[in-house]
Amino acid sequence: MTRVETADVAVVGGGIHGCSAALHLARRGHRVILLERDSVGRHASGVNAGGVRRLGRATVEVPLSVAATAYWRDIRALVDDDCGYVESRYLKVAMTDEEMEAAHRRVAVLRQQGFTHEEVIGAERLRELLPAASHDCIGALHVEGDGHANPYRTTQAFRRRATALGARILEGAEVGKVARHQGVWRLETGVGSVEAPVLVNAAGVWGAALAARLGETIPLEAHAPMLAVTSPVQHFVDAVVGSLGAPLSLKQFGSGSVLIGGGVRGRANPATGETELDLAGLGRFLATARRVFPELAKARVVRSWAGIEGYTQDHRPVIGPGAAEGVVHAFGFSAHGFQLAPAAGAVVADLAEGRTPALDIADFAPSRFRV
């Protein structure tokens, strides 16, 4: 006889967003069961660059990102772990007058919306903050107080805290049949069945496939954002650095190694969960990194990898009620969801409770794809 467990909320997906939703719900006293087909943090959540940034976000994401920053600055209070979080600054360097003009326009729009965290800095201030930067860099967008964390450690910290608060997390529990009967969702897995009135779809790159089984079409593409880490070099940068003109995200660790990414994609196979590197793409973002920091000409890449991630058409996440009763979606973070997770989990918990979140999430609504 199939074992059946009951809960108030069933969360599908053991990435950082599923674990954050489970944590926030458990904090509020709900019985939560999280189902993960592989292992917690196995895919994008555990292998991303770990950027904790407000800088450069789509303007509709800024309020959620700002709310998440408050959690990050006291992350231990939320998950009983500092998650390897390092607060410093984030810069996106400009190499052309056109890029500087675009930076000024962006800051003007943010000021109109009441946000003051981003600023445009010129060459002199840039040299003070990034003395190792190439003289091709003529200025930057800058945020004081952004930083980075260890993504795998962070996801596991959310998992542990959710479990400590009573959430049940089942790994190797791929969801098979899903059906709703008399106000309750029943999810069948190879390790048993779960029944709950509310289903949170935090299935990452597989979120659209689960939504389709719930009767909803949400376009999603699978991609594999790539990262590379170098051999140790002499310390040259404290900030997290990107570029306004090309994909780049760069940070140096205490060991001297440099992590380089920025969204250049390899190839993803959602059917297997496997990824394949695009060596030409790796070469492009490494060339950008070396153009910004000539110091990197001395470094060699010792390891490279890619996670598998779901991208929406507009690169905005899908956060909101599903078309079916008792469904909440939280996926499609398009390779920039790590920093958002502490606040997004609270929003998902509000939605699961049937409450309107304090943050306006209308721009993330799943209904934007309905025709």
Protein backbone atom coordinates (compact mmCIF):
# COMPACT_ATOMS: atom_id res chain seq x y z
CA MET A 1 0.00 0.00 0.00
CA THR A 2 1.34 3.43 -0.98
CA ARG A 3 2.37 5.59 1.94
CA VAL A 4 0.46 8.89 2.02
CA GLU A 5 1.69 11.90 3.97
CA THR A 6 -0.37 15.02 4.52
CA ALA A 7 0.71 18.64 4.82
CA ASP A 8 -0.66 22.15 4.64
CA VAL A 9 1.63 22.94 1.70
CA ALA A 10 3.53 20.72 -0.72
CA VAL A 11 6.55 22.42 -2.29
CA VAL A 12 7.97 20.93 -5.48
CA GLY A 13 11.63 21.79 -6.03
CA GLY A 14 14.62 21.77 -3.71
CA GLY A 15 16.49 24.76 -5.03
CA ILE A 16 16.97 27.89 -2.98
CA HIS A 17 13.49 29.21 -3.83
CA GLY A 18 11.73 26.02 -2.81
CA CYS A 19 13.77 25.85 0.39
CA SER A 20 13.10 29.53 1.13
CA ALA A 21 9.35 29.04 0.67
CA ALA A 22 9.46 25.97 2.92
CA LEU A 23 11.39 27.90 5.56
CA HIS A 24 9.05 30.87 5.62
CA LEU A 25 5.99 28.64 5.74
CA ALA A 26 7.45 26.53 8.54
CA ARG A 27 8.30 29.70 10.48
CA ARG A 28 4.61 30.54 10.35
CA GLY A 29 3.62 27.19 11.78
CA HIS A 30 2.54 25.40 8.61
CA ARG A 31 3.16 21.72 7.96
CA VAL A 32 5.35 21.62 4.86
CA ILE A 33 6.63 18.77 2.72
CA LEU A 34 9.19 19.60 0.03
CA LEU A 35 9.71 17.16 -2.86
CA GLU A 36 13.01 17.23 -4.77
CA ARG A 37 13.60 14.92 -7.73
CA ASP A 38 17.39 14.84 -7.25
CA SER A 39 19.08 16.38 -4.22
CA VAL A 40 18.72 19.81 -2.64
CA GLY A 41 20.89 22.41 -4.39
CA ARG A 42 21.87 19.96 -7.13
CA HIS A 43 21.25 22.32 -10.04
CA ALA A 44 21.32 26.12 -10.54
CA SER A 45 20.89 27.02 -6.88
CA GLY A 46 24.07 25.26 -5.83
CA VAL A 47 26.40 26.14 -8.71
CA ASN A 48 25.72 29.79 -9.57
CA ALA A 49 28.03 32.77 -9.02
CA GLY A 50 26.46 33.66 -5.68
CA GLY A 51 25.97 37.33 -6.55
CA VAL A 52 24.03 39.31 -3.95
CA ARG A 53 23.24 42.39 -5.97
CA ARG A 54 20.69 45.10 -6.45
CA LEU A 55 22.78 46.63 -9.21
CA GLY A 56 21.48 46.48 -12.75
CA ARG A 57 18.20 44.74 -12.03
CA ALA A 58 15.16 45.29 -14.17
CA THR A 59 13.29 48.16 -12.55
CA VAL A 60 10.28 45.93 -11.76
CA GLU A 61 12.59 43.65 -9.74
CA VAL A 62 14.20 46.41 -7.68
CA PRO A 63 11.61 46.48 -4.82
CA LEU A 64 11.93 42.72 -4.30
CA SER A 65 15.72 42.96 -4.48
CA VAL A 66 15.81 45.80 -1.96
CA ALA A 67 13.59 43.78 0.38
CA ALA A 68 15.92 40.79 -0.02
CA THR A 69 18.91 42.95 0.92
CA ALA A 70 17.47 43.47 4.39
CA TYR A 71 17.43 39.68 4.88
CA TRP A 72 20.97 39.29 3.56
CA ARG A 73 22.37 41.85 5.97
CA ASP A 74 21.14 39.68 8.85
CA ILE A 75 21.10 36.32 7.09
CA ARG A 76 22.22 34.43 10.18
CA ALA A 77 19.04 35.47 11.96
CA LEU A 78 17.02 33.82 9.18
CA VAL A 79 18.97 30.59 8.58
CA ASP A 80 21.42 30.31 11.50
CA ASP A 81 24.41 30.50 9.11
CA ASP A 82 26.29 33.42 7.58
CA CYS A 83 26.20 31.60 4.20
CA GLY A 84 29.69 32.85 3.39
CA TYR A 85 28.10 36.25 2.78
CA VAL A 86 30.60 39.05 2.11
CA GLU A 87 29.29 42.58 1.79
CA SER A 88 31.39 44.91 -0.33
CA ARG A 89 30.33 46.78 -3.44
CA TYR A 90 29.24 45.98 -6.98
CA LEU A 91 30.32 47.83 -10.10
CA LYS A 92 29.47 47.57 -13.78
CA VAL A 93 32.25 49.31 -15.68
CA ALA A 94 31.72 51.41 -18.79
CA MET A 95 34.16 51.48 -21.67
CA THR A 96 32.35 53.87 -24.03
CA ASP A 97 30.59 57.21 -23.81
CA GLU A 98 27.39 55.48 -24.90
CA GLU A 99 27.59 53.10 -21.94
CA MET A 100 28.12 56.01 -19.57
CA GLU A 101 25.09 57.79 -21.03
CA ALA A 102 23.00 54.64 -20.57
CA ALA A 103 24.17 54.46 -16.95
CA HIS A 104 23.07 58.04 -16.31
CA ARG A 105 19.66 57.35 -17.87
CA ARG A 106 19.19 54.29 -15.69
CA VAL A 107 20.02 56.11 -12.49
CA ALA A 108 17.61 58.91 -13.45
CA VAL A 109 14.79 56.36 -13.84
CA LEU A 110 15.59 54.79 -10.46
CA ARG A 111 15.61 58.20 -8.80
CA GLN A 112 12.14 58.88 -10.22
CA GLN A 113 10.98 55.65 -8.56
CA GLY A 114 12.52 56.65 -5.23
CA PHE A 115 15.58 54.36 -5.29
CA THR A 116 18.98 55.86 -4.53
CA HIS A 117 21.24 52.81 -4.17
CA GLU A 118 22.80 53.09 -7.64
CA GLU A 119 25.14 55.89 -8.68
CA VAL A 120 27.27 56.72 -11.69
CA ILE A 121 30.94 57.28 -10.96
CA GLY A 122 33.61 58.72 -13.22
CA ALA A 123 37.14 57.63 -14.03
CA GLU A 124 38.79 59.21 -10.99
CA ARG A 125 36.48 57.53 -8.47
CA LEU A 126 36.70 54.28 -10.43
CA ARG A 127 40.50 54.30 -10.06
CA GLU A 128 40.09 54.70 -6.30
CA LEU A 129 37.75 51.71 -6.08
CA LEU A 130 39.37 49.53 -8.76
CA PRO A 131 43.02 50.54 -9.08
CA ALA A 132 43.76 47.39 -11.13
CA ALA A 133 41.12 48.19 -13.77
CA SER A 134 42.23 48.88 -17.30
CA HIS A 135 42.33 52.47 -18.54
CA ASP A 136 39.76 51.35 -21.10
CA CYS A 137 37.30 51.69 -18.20
CA ILE A 138 36.05 55.27 -18.06
CA GLY A 139 33.42 55.01 -15.32
CA ALA A 140 30.85 52.68 -13.83
CA LEU A 141 27.49 52.06 -12.27
CA HIS A 142 28.18 51.50 -8.58
CA VAL A 143 26.31 50.18 -5.55
CA GLU A 144 27.83 50.25 -2.09
CA GLY A 145 26.76 47.30 0.06
CA ASP A 146 26.13 44.60 -2.55
CA GLY A 147 28.27 41.49 -2.33
CA HIS A 148 28.29 37.72 -2.68
CA ALA A 149 27.68 34.46 -0.82
CA ASN A 150 28.38 30.76 -1.22
CA PRO A 151 25.40 29.40 -3.19
CA TYR A 152 25.56 25.73 -2.18
CA ARG A 153 26.17 26.57 1.46
CA THR A 154 23.30 29.06 1.36
CA THR A 155 20.82 26.61 -0.15
CA GLN A 156 21.78 23.98 2.41
CA ALA A 157 21.39 26.54 5.21
CA PHE A 158 17.83 27.26 4.08
CA ARG A 159 17.20 23.53 3.93
CA ARG A 160 18.56 22.89 7.44
CA ARG A 161 16.63 25.76 8.98
CA ALA A 162 13.39 24.73 7.30
CA THR A 163 13.90 21.19 8.58
CA ALA A 164 14.69 22.43 12.08
CA LEU A 165 11.37 24.27 12.05
CA GLY A 166 9.47 21.13 11.10
CA ALA A 167 9.46 21.00 7.31
CA ARG A 168 9.85 17.55 5.74
CA ILE A 169 12.26 17.42 2.81
CA LEU A 170 12.21 14.32 0.59
CA GLU A 171 14.99 13.85 -1.95
CA GLY A 172 14.83 11.43 -4.86
CA ALA A 173 11.11 12.20 -4.94
CA GLU A 174 10.29 12.98 -8.55
CA VAL A 175 6.63 13.91 -8.88
CA GLY A 176 4.61 11.63 -11.12
CA LYS A 177 0.84 11.86 -11.21
CA VAL A 178 -0.70 15.09 -9.87
CA ALA A 179 -4.42 15.48 -9.31
CA ARG A 180 -6.80 17.59 -7.23
CA HIS A 181 -9.82 16.10 -5.48
CA GLN A 182 -12.14 17.71 -2.98
CA GLY A 183 -9.85 20.69 -2.43
CA VAL A 184 -6.65 18.67 -1.96
CA TRP A 185 -3.70 18.11 -4.30
CA ARG A 186 -2.31 14.58 -4.40
CA LEU A 187 1.25 14.21 -5.68
CA GLU A 188 2.56 10.72 -6.29
CA THR A 189 6.30 10.00 -6.13
CA GLY A 190 8.51 6.94 -6.02
CA VAL A 191 8.88 7.35 -2.26
CA GLY A 192 5.19 7.77 -1.49
CA SER A 193 2.36 10.23 -1.99
CA VAL A 194 1.73 13.63 -0.51
CA GLU A 195 -1.61 15.36 -0.06
CA ALA A 196 -1.94 19.08 0.60
CA PRO A 197 -4.48 21.81 -0.24
CA VAL A 198 -1.72 24.09 -1.57
CA LEU A 199 0.98 23.22 -4.10
CA VAL A 200 4.02 25.52 -4.57
CA ASN A 201 5.70 25.01 -7.92
CA ALA A 202 9.36 25.94 -7.36
CA ALA A 203 10.66 23.38 -9.83
CA GLY A 204 13.17 25.64 -11.59
CA VAL A 205 13.87 24.69 -15.18
CA TRP A 206 11.12 22.05 -14.83
CA GLY A 207 8.58 24.57 -13.51
CA ALA A 208 6.86 25.07 -16.86
CA ALA A 209 6.48 21.30 -17.34
CA LEU A 210 4.80 21.02 -13.95
CA ALA A 211 2.60 24.02 -14.74
CA ALA A 212 1.52 22.32 -17.98
CA ARG A 213 0.43 19.26 -16.00
CA LEU A 214 -1.65 21.63 -13.90
CA GLY A 215 -3.32 23.00 -17.04
CA GLU A 216 -1.25 26.13 -17.57
CA THR A 217 1.09 27.12 -20.41
CA ILE A 218 4.08 29.23 -19.30
CA PRO A 219 6.86 29.56 -21.89
CA LEU A 220 10.28 28.69 -20.46
CA GLU A 221 13.65 28.01 -22.07
CA ALA A 222 16.41 25.87 -20.60
CA HIS A 223 19.90 27.36 -20.62
CA ALA A 224 23.19 26.65 -18.91
CA PRO A 225 24.93 29.79 -17.59
CA MET A 226 28.66 29.07 -17.36
CA LEU A 227 31.30 29.86 -14.76
CA ALA A 228 35.07 29.50 -14.58
CA VAL A 229 37.53 29.74 -11.72
CA THR A 230 41.20 30.62 -12.12
CA SER A 231 44.39 29.64 -10.39
CA PRO A 232 45.31 31.96 -7.50
CA VAL A 233 46.81 35.33 -8.41
CA GLN A 234 47.95 38.24 -6.31
CA HIS A 235 45.06 40.10 -4.69
CA PHE A 236 43.77 42.86 -6.97
CA VAL A 237 40.04 43.38 -6.36
CA ASP A 238 37.62 43.45 -3.40
CA ALA A 239 34.43 44.32 -5.26
CA VAL A 240 32.18 42.25 -7.49
CA VAL A 241 32.68 43.61 -11.00
CA GLY A 242 30.61 43.42 -14.15
CA SER A 243 30.53 45.26 -17.45
CA LEU A 244 27.88 47.46 -19.01
CA GLY A 245 28.91 46.42 -22.50
CA ALA A 246 29.43 42.66 -22.30
CA PRO A 247 28.46 39.71 -20.10
CA LEU A 248 30.72 39.63 -17.05
CA SER A 249 30.57 38.96 -13.32
CA LEU A 250 33.89 38.68 -11.50
CA LYS A 251 35.01 38.33 -7.90
CA GLN A 252 38.22 37.32 -6.16
CA PHE A 253 38.31 35.05 -3.14
CA GLY A 254 40.67 35.14 -0.20
CA SER A 255 42.60 32.25 -1.77
CA GLY A 256 43.46 34.46 -4.73
CA SER A 257 41.30 32.49 -7.15
CA VAL A 258 38.94 34.50 -9.35
CA LEU A 259 35.41 33.39 -10.24
CA ILE A 260 34.27 34.62 -13.65
CA GLY A 261 30.79 34.38 -15.12
CA GLY A 262 28.12 36.73 -16.31
CA GLY A 263 25.44 34.76 -18.07
CA VAL A 264 27.23 33.40 -21.15
CA ARG A 265 25.44 30.13 -21.77
CA GLY A 266 26.37 26.59 -22.58
CA ARG A 267 23.88 23.95 -23.65
CA ALA A 268 21.25 22.50 -21.34
CA ASN A 269 19.31 19.25 -21.50
CA PRO A 270 16.33 19.41 -19.12
CA ALA A 271 15.41 15.81 -19.92
CA THR A 272 18.57 14.61 -18.19
CA GLY A 273 19.52 17.66 -16.10
CA GLU A 274 22.91 17.68 -17.82
CA THR A 275 24.82 20.65 -19.26
CA GLU A 276 27.54 21.06 -21.86
CA LEU A 277 30.05 23.90 -21.98
CA ASP A 278 30.41 26.22 -24.96
CA LEU A 279 34.17 26.75 -25.14
CA ALA A 280 33.86 29.66 -27.54
CA GLY A 281 31.48 31.36 -25.10
CA LEU A 282 33.90 30.76 -22.25
CA GLY A 283 36.59 32.39 -24.33
CA ARG A 284 34.44 35.48 -24.88
CA PHE A 285 33.77 36.22 -21.22
CA LEU A 286 37.36 35.43 -20.27
CA ALA A 287 38.50 37.95 -22.89
CA THR A 288 36.15 40.55 -21.39
CA ALA A 289 37.52 39.85 -17.91
CA ARG A 290 41.09 40.29 -19.14
CA ARG A 291 40.19 43.51 -20.90
CA VAL A 292 38.79 44.93 -17.66
CA PHE A 293 41.62 43.53 -15.52
CA PRO A 294 44.91 42.99 -17.40
CA GLU A 295 46.14 41.27 -14.22
CA LEU A 296 44.15 38.23 -15.31
CA ALA A 297 46.51 37.60 -18.21
CA LYS A 298 48.67 35.85 -15.59
CA ALA A 299 45.88 33.51 -14.47
CA ARG A 300 44.84 30.21 -15.97
CA VAL A 301 41.42 28.62 -15.78
CA VAL A 302 41.51 25.51 -13.59
CA ARG A 303 37.83 24.58 -13.67
CA SER A 304 34.67 25.52 -15.51
CA TRP A 305 31.07 24.37 -15.21
CA ALA A 306 27.46 25.26 -15.91
CA GLY A 307 24.17 24.94 -14.07
CA ILE A 308 20.79 24.37 -15.67
CA GLU A 309 18.30 27.21 -15.36
CA GLY A 310 14.89 28.23 -16.69
CA TYR A 311 14.58 31.55 -18.54
CA THR A 312 11.28 33.29 -19.24
CA GLN A 313 10.70 35.29 -22.41
CA ASP A 314 10.98 38.62 -20.59
CA HIS A 315 13.60 37.41 -18.08
CA ARG A 316 11.26 38.21 -15.21
CA PRO A 317 10.52 35.47 -12.70
CA VAL A 318 7.14 33.78 -12.47
CA ILE A 319 5.76 34.48 -8.99
CA GLY A 320 2.06 34.34 -8.31
CA PRO A 321 -1.11 32.26 -8.13
CA GLY A 322 -1.56 29.63 -10.80
CA ALA A 323 -4.65 29.21 -12.94
CA ALA A 324 -5.66 26.15 -10.94
CA GLU A 325 -6.98 26.46 -7.41
CA GLY A 326 -4.40 26.07 -4.67
CA VAL A 327 -1.34 26.57 -6.90
CA VAL A 328 1.46 29.10 -6.38
CA HIS A 329 4.26 29.41 -8.93
CA ALA A 330 7.82 30.52 -8.14
CA PHE A 331 10.24 29.69 -10.95
CA GLY A 332 11.81 31.15 -14.09
CA PHE A 333 14.32 33.35 -12.29
CA SER A 334 16.43 33.50 -15.46
CA ALA A 335 19.84 33.22 -13.75
CA HIS A 336 19.37 36.15 -11.39
CA GLY A 337 17.22 34.71 -8.61
CA PHE A 338 19.80 33.85 -5.95
CA GLN A 339 19.78 37.24 -4.19
CA LEU A 340 15.98 37.45 -4.35
CA ALA A 341 15.36 34.16 -2.55
CA PRO A 342 15.01 35.30 1.09
CA ALA A 343 12.33 37.84 0.18
CA ALA A 344 10.72 35.78 -2.59
CA GLY A 345 10.16 32.94 -0.12
CA ALA A 346 8.23 35.28 2.16
CA VAL A 347 6.11 36.42 -0.80
CA VAL A 348 5.36 32.82 -1.74
CA ALA A 349 4.38 32.07 1.86
CA ASP A 350 1.93 35.00 1.75
CA LEU A 351 0.41 33.66 -1.47
CA ALA A 352 0.17 30.13 -0.08
CA GLU A 353 -1.75 31.54 2.87
CA GLY A 354 -4.12 33.34 0.50
CA ARG A 355 -2.83 36.77 1.55
CA THR A 356 -1.81 39.68 -0.67
CA PRO A 357 1.94 40.28 -0.30
CA ALA A 358 3.10 43.72 0.81
CA LEU A 359 5.32 43.87 -2.28
CA ASP A 360 3.70 44.47 -5.65
CA ILE A 361 4.36 41.36 -7.74
CA ALA A 362 1.96 42.11 -10.60
CA ASP A 363 4.82 42.19 -13.12
CA PHE A 364 5.74 38.61 -12.21
CA ALA A 365 2.22 37.18 -12.52
CA PRO A 366 1.91 33.87 -14.40
CA SER A 367 -1.18 35.32 -16.04
CA ARG A 368 0.99 37.58 -18.22
CA PHE A 369 1.51 34.60 -20.51
CA ARG A 370 -2.15 33.70 -20.84
CA VAL A 371 -3.88 34.48 -24.13
